[in-house]
């Protein structure tokens, strides 16, 4: 899902992650967003963001 969001092939995405070329930011929700996490993957000028619950189930 993330590879597709960054317009990469899955094998290419895994390789870039292993080499530290894809950055990840994970933010924990507070207040009305408590119990959710926003995860953003960055590669070059592209980004792919989604929100999960505590169990890692995709919300958006």
Protein backbone atom coordinates (compact mmCIF):
# COMPACT_ATOMS: atom_id res chain seq x y z
CA UNK A 1 0.00 0.00 0.00
CA UNK A 2 2.78 2.45 0.89
CA UNK A 3 4.88 1.51 -2.14
CA UNK A 4 1.88 2.19 -4.37
CA UNK A 5 1.25 5.52 -2.60
CA UNK A 6 4.83 6.57 -3.36
CA UNK A 7 4.61 5.32 -6.98
CA UNK A 8 7.20 2.59 -6.33
CA UNK A 9 7.32 -1.14 -6.92
CA UNK A 10 7.14 -3.13 -3.65
CA UNK A 11 10.65 -4.56 -4.08
CA UNK A 12 12.02 -1.10 -4.84
CA UNK A 13 10.26 0.30 -1.76
CA UNK A 14 11.70 -2.43 0.52
CA UNK A 15 15.19 -1.78 -0.85
CA UNK A 16 14.89 1.98 -0.33
CA UNK A 17 13.60 1.44 3.22
CA UNK A 18 16.51 -0.88 4.01
CA UNK A 19 18.96 1.73 2.72
CA UNK A 20 17.32 4.54 4.71
CA UNK A 21 16.16 6.43 1.61
CA UNK A 22 12.49 6.43 2.70
CA UNK A 23 11.82 8.41 5.88
CA UNK A 24 8.95 7.71 8.27
CA UNK A 25 7.21 9.99 10.74
CA UNK A 26 4.74 8.47 13.23
CA UNK A 27 2.55 10.79 15.31
CA UNK A 28 0.32 9.73 18.21
CA UNK A 29 -3.07 11.41 18.42
CA UNK A 30 -4.12 13.45 21.44
CA UNK A 31 -7.46 14.88 22.51
CA UNK A 32 -10.21 13.86 20.09
CA UNK A 33 -7.62 11.86 18.08
CA UNK A 34 -6.48 9.80 21.09
CA UNK A 35 -6.04 6.16 20.16
CA UNK A 36 -4.98 6.95 16.60
CA UNK A 37 -1.61 7.20 14.87
CA UNK A 38 -0.77 9.21 11.76
CA UNK A 39 2.07 7.64 9.78
CA UNK A 40 3.76 9.51 6.94
CA UNK A 41 6.31 8.01 4.55
CA UNK A 42 8.57 10.39 2.60
CA UNK A 43 10.59 9.63 -0.51
CA UNK A 44 12.17 12.49 -2.44
CA UNK A 45 9.35 15.02 -2.93
CA UNK A 46 6.58 12.48 -2.46
CA UNK A 47 4.70 11.54 0.68
CA UNK A 48 2.09 8.97 1.58
CA UNK A 49 0.11 9.38 4.80
CA UNK A 50 -2.45 7.27 6.57
CA UNK A 51 -4.11 6.98 9.99
CA UNK A 52 -4.42 3.80 12.04
CA UNK A 53 -5.99 2.79 15.32
CA UNK A 54 -3.99 1.33 18.23
CA UNK A 55 -4.12 -2.15 16.69
CA UNK A 56 -2.74 -0.89 13.37
CA UNK A 57 -6.04 -1.08 11.50
CA UNK A 58 -6.28 1.46 8.70
CA UNK A 59 -8.69 4.33 9.34
CA UNK A 60 -7.84 6.65 6.40
